[in-house]
N, C-alpha and C. Protein backbone atom coordinates (compact mmCIF):
# COMPACT_ATOMS: atom_id res chain seq x y z
N UNK A 1 161.47 88.51 132.77
CA UNK A 1 162.19 89.12 133.87
C UNK A 1 163.63 88.62 133.87
N UNK A 2 164.55 89.51 134.15
CA UNK A 2 165.96 89.13 134.15
C UNK A 2 166.30 88.40 135.44
N UNK A 3 167.29 87.51 135.36
CA UNK A 3 167.68 86.73 136.53
C UNK A 3 168.67 87.48 137.41
N UNK A 4 169.48 88.33 136.82
CA UNK A 4 170.59 88.94 137.54
C UNK A 4 170.36 90.40 137.93
N UNK A 5 169.23 90.98 137.62
CA UNK A 5 168.98 92.38 137.92
C UNK A 5 167.73 92.52 138.78
N UNK A 6 167.83 93.32 139.81
CA UNK A 6 166.69 93.62 140.66
C UNK A 6 165.93 94.77 140.01
N UNK A 7 164.85 94.43 139.31
CA UNK A 7 164.09 95.43 138.56
C UNK A 7 163.48 96.48 139.48
N UNK A 8 163.08 96.08 140.68
CA UNK A 8 162.55 97.04 141.64
C UNK A 8 163.63 98.07 142.00
N UNK A 9 164.86 97.61 142.18
CA UNK A 9 165.97 98.51 142.50
C UNK A 9 166.24 99.48 141.35
N UNK A 10 166.11 99.01 140.11
CA UNK A 10 166.30 99.89 138.95
C UNK A 10 165.26 101.01 138.97
N UNK A 11 164.02 100.66 139.31
CA UNK A 11 162.95 101.67 139.36
C UNK A 11 163.22 102.66 140.50
N UNK A 12 163.71 102.18 141.64
CA UNK A 12 164.06 103.09 142.73
C UNK A 12 165.21 104.00 142.30
N UNK A 13 166.19 103.44 141.58
CA UNK A 13 167.29 104.26 141.05
C UNK A 13 166.74 105.31 140.08
N UNK A 14 165.75 104.93 139.26
CA UNK A 14 165.12 105.85 138.32
C UNK A 14 164.51 107.04 139.09
N UNK A 15 163.77 106.72 140.15
CA UNK A 15 163.17 107.77 140.98
C UNK A 15 164.25 108.66 141.60
N UNK A 16 165.31 108.05 142.12
CA UNK A 16 166.40 108.81 142.74
C UNK A 16 167.06 109.75 141.74
N UNK A 17 167.31 109.27 140.52
CA UNK A 17 167.90 110.13 139.48
C UNK A 17 166.97 111.29 139.16
N UNK A 18 165.68 111.02 139.08
CA UNK A 18 164.72 112.08 138.79
C UNK A 18 164.71 113.11 139.91
N UNK A 19 164.66 112.65 141.15
CA UNK A 19 164.63 113.56 142.30
C UNK A 19 165.88 114.43 142.37
N UNK A 20 167.02 113.85 142.04
CA UNK A 20 168.29 114.59 142.13
C UNK A 20 168.63 115.32 140.82
N UNK A 21 167.73 115.25 139.86
CA UNK A 21 167.90 115.94 138.55
C UNK A 21 169.14 115.44 137.82
N UNK A 22 169.44 114.17 137.97
CA UNK A 22 170.62 113.55 137.35
C UNK A 22 170.23 112.95 136.00
N UNK A 23 170.20 113.80 134.97
CA UNK A 23 169.77 113.35 133.65
C UNK A 23 170.70 112.27 133.09
N UNK A 24 172.01 112.43 133.25
CA UNK A 24 172.95 111.43 132.73
C UNK A 24 172.75 110.08 133.41
N UNK A 25 172.61 110.09 134.72
CA UNK A 25 172.35 108.85 135.45
C UNK A 25 171.05 108.22 135.03
N UNK A 26 170.03 109.05 134.82
CA UNK A 26 168.73 108.56 134.37
C UNK A 26 168.85 107.87 133.02
N UNK A 27 169.54 108.51 132.09
CA UNK A 27 169.67 107.94 130.74
C UNK A 27 170.43 106.62 130.74
N UNK A 28 171.37 106.46 131.69
CA UNK A 28 172.12 105.20 131.79
C UNK A 28 171.22 104.02 132.16
N UNK A 29 170.07 104.28 132.75
CA UNK A 29 169.16 103.21 133.13
C UNK A 29 168.37 102.66 131.94
N UNK A 30 168.39 103.40 130.82
CA UNK A 30 167.60 103.02 129.64
C UNK A 30 168.43 102.24 128.63
N UNK A 31 167.78 101.32 127.95
CA UNK A 31 168.36 100.66 126.78
C UNK A 31 168.50 101.72 125.68
N UNK A 32 169.41 101.51 124.75
CA UNK A 32 169.64 102.49 123.66
C UNK A 32 168.37 102.78 122.87
N UNK A 33 167.54 101.76 122.69
CA UNK A 33 166.33 101.91 121.86
C UNK A 33 165.06 101.96 122.72
N UNK A 34 165.20 102.40 123.97
CA UNK A 34 164.06 102.44 124.89
C UNK A 34 162.94 103.31 124.34
N UNK A 35 161.70 102.93 124.70
CA UNK A 35 160.51 103.67 124.26
C UNK A 35 159.71 104.12 125.46
N UNK A 36 159.08 105.28 125.32
CA UNK A 36 158.15 105.79 126.32
C UNK A 36 156.86 106.14 125.61
N UNK A 37 155.77 105.53 126.05
CA UNK A 37 154.44 105.87 125.56
C UNK A 37 153.76 106.63 126.68
N UNK A 38 153.59 107.93 126.49
CA UNK A 38 153.09 108.82 127.53
C UNK A 38 151.66 109.26 127.22
N UNK A 39 150.70 108.67 127.91
CA UNK A 39 149.30 109.08 127.75
C UNK A 39 149.05 110.40 128.46
N UNK A 40 149.92 110.79 129.39
CA UNK A 40 149.78 112.06 130.10
C UNK A 40 149.86 113.23 129.11
N UNK A 41 150.78 113.12 128.16
CA UNK A 41 151.00 114.19 127.18
C UNK A 41 150.70 113.75 125.75
N UNK A 42 150.28 112.51 125.56
CA UNK A 42 150.02 112.01 124.22
C UNK A 42 151.29 111.91 123.39
N UNK A 43 152.40 111.54 124.02
CA UNK A 43 153.69 111.49 123.35
C UNK A 43 154.18 110.06 123.19
N UNK A 44 154.86 109.80 122.09
CA UNK A 44 155.56 108.54 121.87
C UNK A 44 157.02 108.88 121.61
N UNK A 45 157.90 108.40 122.47
CA UNK A 45 159.31 108.78 122.42
C UNK A 45 160.14 107.52 122.29
N UNK A 46 161.18 107.58 121.46
CA UNK A 46 162.01 106.41 121.25
C UNK A 46 163.48 106.82 121.17
N UNK A 47 164.32 106.12 121.93
CA UNK A 47 165.76 106.35 121.92
C UNK A 47 166.22 107.29 123.02
N UNK A 48 167.48 107.13 123.41
CA UNK A 48 168.03 107.92 124.52
C UNK A 48 168.05 109.42 124.22
N UNK A 49 168.35 109.81 123.00
CA UNK A 49 168.40 111.24 122.66
C UNK A 49 167.03 111.88 122.84
N UNK A 50 165.99 111.22 122.37
CA UNK A 50 164.63 111.74 122.53
C UNK A 50 164.21 111.73 123.99
N UNK A 51 164.65 110.71 124.75
CA UNK A 51 164.36 110.67 126.18
C UNK A 51 165.05 111.83 126.90
N UNK A 52 166.27 112.17 126.50
CA UNK A 52 166.97 113.31 127.08
C UNK A 52 166.20 114.60 126.81
N UNK A 53 165.70 114.75 125.58
CA UNK A 53 164.91 115.94 125.23
C UNK A 53 163.61 116.00 126.02
N UNK A 54 163.02 114.83 126.30
CA UNK A 54 161.77 114.75 127.05
C UNK A 54 161.99 115.06 128.53
N UNK A 55 162.99 114.38 129.15
CA UNK A 55 163.19 114.50 130.60
C UNK A 55 163.93 115.75 131.02
N UNK A 56 164.84 116.26 130.20
CA UNK A 56 165.64 117.42 130.57
C UNK A 56 164.83 118.59 131.12
N UNK A 57 163.86 119.12 130.37
CA UNK A 57 163.06 120.25 130.87
C UNK A 57 162.23 119.88 132.11
N UNK A 58 161.78 118.65 132.19
CA UNK A 58 160.97 118.23 133.34
C UNK A 58 161.81 118.21 134.62
N UNK A 59 163.04 117.70 134.51
CA UNK A 59 163.91 117.65 135.68
C UNK A 59 164.35 119.05 136.10
N UNK A 60 164.37 119.99 135.17
CA UNK A 60 164.76 121.36 135.48
C UNK A 60 163.64 122.13 136.18
N UNK A 61 162.42 121.62 136.14
CA UNK A 61 161.26 122.36 136.67
C UNK A 61 160.47 121.52 137.67
N UNK A 62 161.15 120.93 138.63
CA UNK A 62 160.48 120.05 139.59
C UNK A 62 159.65 120.82 140.60
N UNK A 63 158.48 120.29 140.91
CA UNK A 63 157.69 120.82 142.03
C UNK A 63 158.25 120.21 143.32
N UNK A 64 157.94 120.80 144.49
CA UNK A 64 158.48 120.27 145.75
C UNK A 64 158.11 118.81 146.02
N UNK A 65 156.95 118.36 145.56
CA UNK A 65 156.55 116.97 145.81
C UNK A 65 156.87 116.03 144.65
N UNK A 66 157.62 116.50 143.68
CA UNK A 66 157.94 115.72 142.49
C UNK A 66 158.62 114.40 142.82
N UNK A 67 158.23 113.38 142.09
CA UNK A 67 158.81 112.04 142.15
C UNK A 67 158.68 111.40 143.53
N UNK A 68 157.61 111.75 144.22
CA UNK A 68 157.28 111.09 145.47
C UNK A 68 156.74 109.69 145.17
N UNK A 69 157.20 108.72 145.91
CA UNK A 69 156.79 107.33 145.72
C UNK A 69 155.44 107.09 146.40
N UNK A 70 154.50 106.59 145.64
CA UNK A 70 153.20 106.21 146.19
C UNK A 70 153.16 104.70 146.42
N UNK A 71 153.48 103.93 145.37
CA UNK A 71 153.48 102.47 145.47
C UNK A 71 154.33 101.90 144.34
N UNK A 72 155.02 100.82 144.64
CA UNK A 72 155.83 100.13 143.63
C UNK A 72 155.47 98.65 143.71
N UNK A 73 155.15 98.06 142.56
CA UNK A 73 154.63 96.70 142.52
C UNK A 73 155.36 95.88 141.45
N UNK A 74 155.99 94.77 141.87
CA UNK A 74 156.60 93.90 140.86
C UNK A 74 155.50 93.16 140.10
N UNK A 75 155.73 92.95 138.83
CA UNK A 75 154.80 92.19 137.98
C UNK A 75 155.62 91.17 137.20
N UNK A 76 154.92 90.21 136.63
CA UNK A 76 155.59 89.18 135.83
C UNK A 76 156.39 89.80 134.68
N UNK A 77 155.84 90.87 134.09
CA UNK A 77 156.46 91.48 132.91
C UNK A 77 157.18 92.80 133.23
N UNK A 78 157.50 93.07 134.50
CA UNK A 78 158.21 94.29 134.84
C UNK A 78 157.80 94.83 136.20
N UNK A 79 157.70 96.14 136.28
CA UNK A 79 157.37 96.82 137.54
C UNK A 79 156.37 97.93 137.23
N UNK A 80 155.39 98.10 138.12
CA UNK A 80 154.45 99.21 138.02
C UNK A 80 154.73 100.16 139.18
N UNK A 81 154.83 101.44 138.84
CA UNK A 81 155.14 102.47 139.82
C UNK A 81 154.03 103.51 139.83
N UNK A 82 153.51 103.79 141.00
CA UNK A 82 152.61 104.92 141.20
C UNK A 82 153.44 105.99 141.90
N UNK A 83 153.52 107.16 141.29
CA UNK A 83 154.38 108.22 141.84
C UNK A 83 153.78 109.58 141.50
N UNK A 84 154.42 110.62 142.01
CA UNK A 84 154.02 111.99 141.70
C UNK A 84 154.95 112.53 140.62
N UNK A 85 154.36 113.05 139.56
CA UNK A 85 155.14 113.55 138.42
C UNK A 85 155.98 114.76 138.79
N UNK A 86 156.74 115.26 137.84
CA UNK A 86 157.55 116.46 138.07
C UNK A 86 156.68 117.65 138.48
N UNK A 87 155.40 117.58 138.16
CA UNK A 87 154.45 118.64 138.54
C UNK A 87 153.71 118.31 139.84
N UNK A 88 153.96 117.11 140.40
CA UNK A 88 153.29 116.69 141.62
C UNK A 88 151.95 116.03 141.37
N UNK A 89 151.69 115.62 140.13
CA UNK A 89 150.43 114.94 139.79
C UNK A 89 150.61 113.42 139.87
N UNK A 90 149.54 112.73 140.25
CA UNK A 90 149.59 111.27 140.38
C UNK A 90 149.69 110.62 139.00
N UNK A 91 150.68 109.74 138.85
CA UNK A 91 150.93 109.04 137.58
C UNK A 91 151.20 107.58 137.88
N UNK A 92 150.74 106.71 136.99
CA UNK A 92 151.08 105.28 137.04
C UNK A 92 151.93 104.99 135.81
N UNK A 93 153.06 104.34 136.04
CA UNK A 93 153.98 104.03 134.95
C UNK A 93 154.38 102.56 135.04
N UNK A 94 154.34 101.89 133.91
CA UNK A 94 154.74 100.48 133.83
C UNK A 94 156.09 100.40 133.13
N UNK A 95 157.03 99.73 133.76
CA UNK A 95 158.38 99.56 133.24
C UNK A 95 158.55 98.13 132.72
N UNK A 96 159.16 97.99 131.56
CA UNK A 96 159.60 96.69 131.04
C UNK A 96 161.12 96.78 130.85
N UNK A 97 161.80 95.64 130.92
CA UNK A 97 163.25 95.62 130.92
C UNK A 97 163.79 94.69 129.84
N UNK A 98 164.99 95.01 129.35
CA UNK A 98 165.65 94.10 128.40
C UNK A 98 166.45 93.05 129.18
N UNK A 99 167.15 92.19 128.46
CA UNK A 99 167.88 91.09 129.11
C UNK A 99 169.05 91.59 129.97
N UNK A 100 169.54 92.80 129.71
CA UNK A 100 170.62 93.37 130.53
C UNK A 100 170.08 94.08 131.77
N UNK A 101 168.76 94.17 131.89
CA UNK A 101 168.17 94.83 133.04
C UNK A 101 167.99 96.33 132.86
N UNK A 102 168.14 96.80 131.63
CA UNK A 102 167.90 98.23 131.35
C UNK A 102 166.43 98.42 130.99
N UNK A 103 165.94 99.62 131.24
CA UNK A 103 164.55 99.94 130.91
C UNK A 103 164.40 99.94 129.39
N UNK A 104 163.50 99.11 128.89
CA UNK A 104 163.30 99.02 127.45
C UNK A 104 162.00 99.69 126.99
N UNK A 105 161.02 99.74 127.89
CA UNK A 105 159.74 100.33 127.52
C UNK A 105 159.04 100.83 128.77
N UNK A 106 158.41 101.98 128.64
CA UNK A 106 157.62 102.56 129.72
C UNK A 106 156.28 103.02 129.14
N UNK A 107 155.23 102.81 129.91
CA UNK A 107 153.90 103.34 129.56
C UNK A 107 153.39 104.10 130.76
N UNK A 108 153.05 105.37 130.58
CA UNK A 108 152.54 106.13 131.71
C UNK A 108 151.20 106.75 131.38
N UNK A 109 150.42 106.98 132.43
CA UNK A 109 149.11 107.60 132.31
C UNK A 109 148.77 108.25 133.65
N UNK A 110 147.95 109.28 133.62
CA UNK A 110 147.49 109.86 134.88
C UNK A 110 146.83 108.78 135.74
N UNK A 111 147.00 108.90 137.04
CA UNK A 111 146.45 107.94 137.97
C UNK A 111 145.36 108.62 138.82
N UNK A 112 144.42 107.83 139.25
CA UNK A 112 143.36 108.37 140.11
C UNK A 112 143.65 108.14 141.59
N UNK A 113 144.85 107.67 141.90
CA UNK A 113 145.23 107.39 143.30
C UNK A 113 145.22 108.66 144.13
C-alpha cells in the first residue's frame, strides 16, 4: 500500500469517471502497464491502449443504474469494490496499486450480492 495516496479515493474517482463517461480521466488513473483480468467476459487486458478499447464502448452504453456503489472495502493489498457494471449487473473488482498510487492490476468477476 502506498503511503501518500488514498487508494479508496482513487477507486471513488474511478467510479466517478465511469459514471460521467470520462474515458481520458479514467485512463489517467491507470499505470501505463496496468492489467485487467475480467472473469465477467473472460478477457485479459494489458496497457492503457487496450484499456481504452475495453472501456470506451462500455462507457458509451451505460444503463441507468451503471456504476452504482454497493460496497468499498480497503484491504492490505488494495481495495475491493462491489458495484453495478455498465449493464447494471453486480460485479466485484479488486484493485491493486503501484508505488505512485495508480491502478496497476484489477480482477473482476460477477458478484452474487
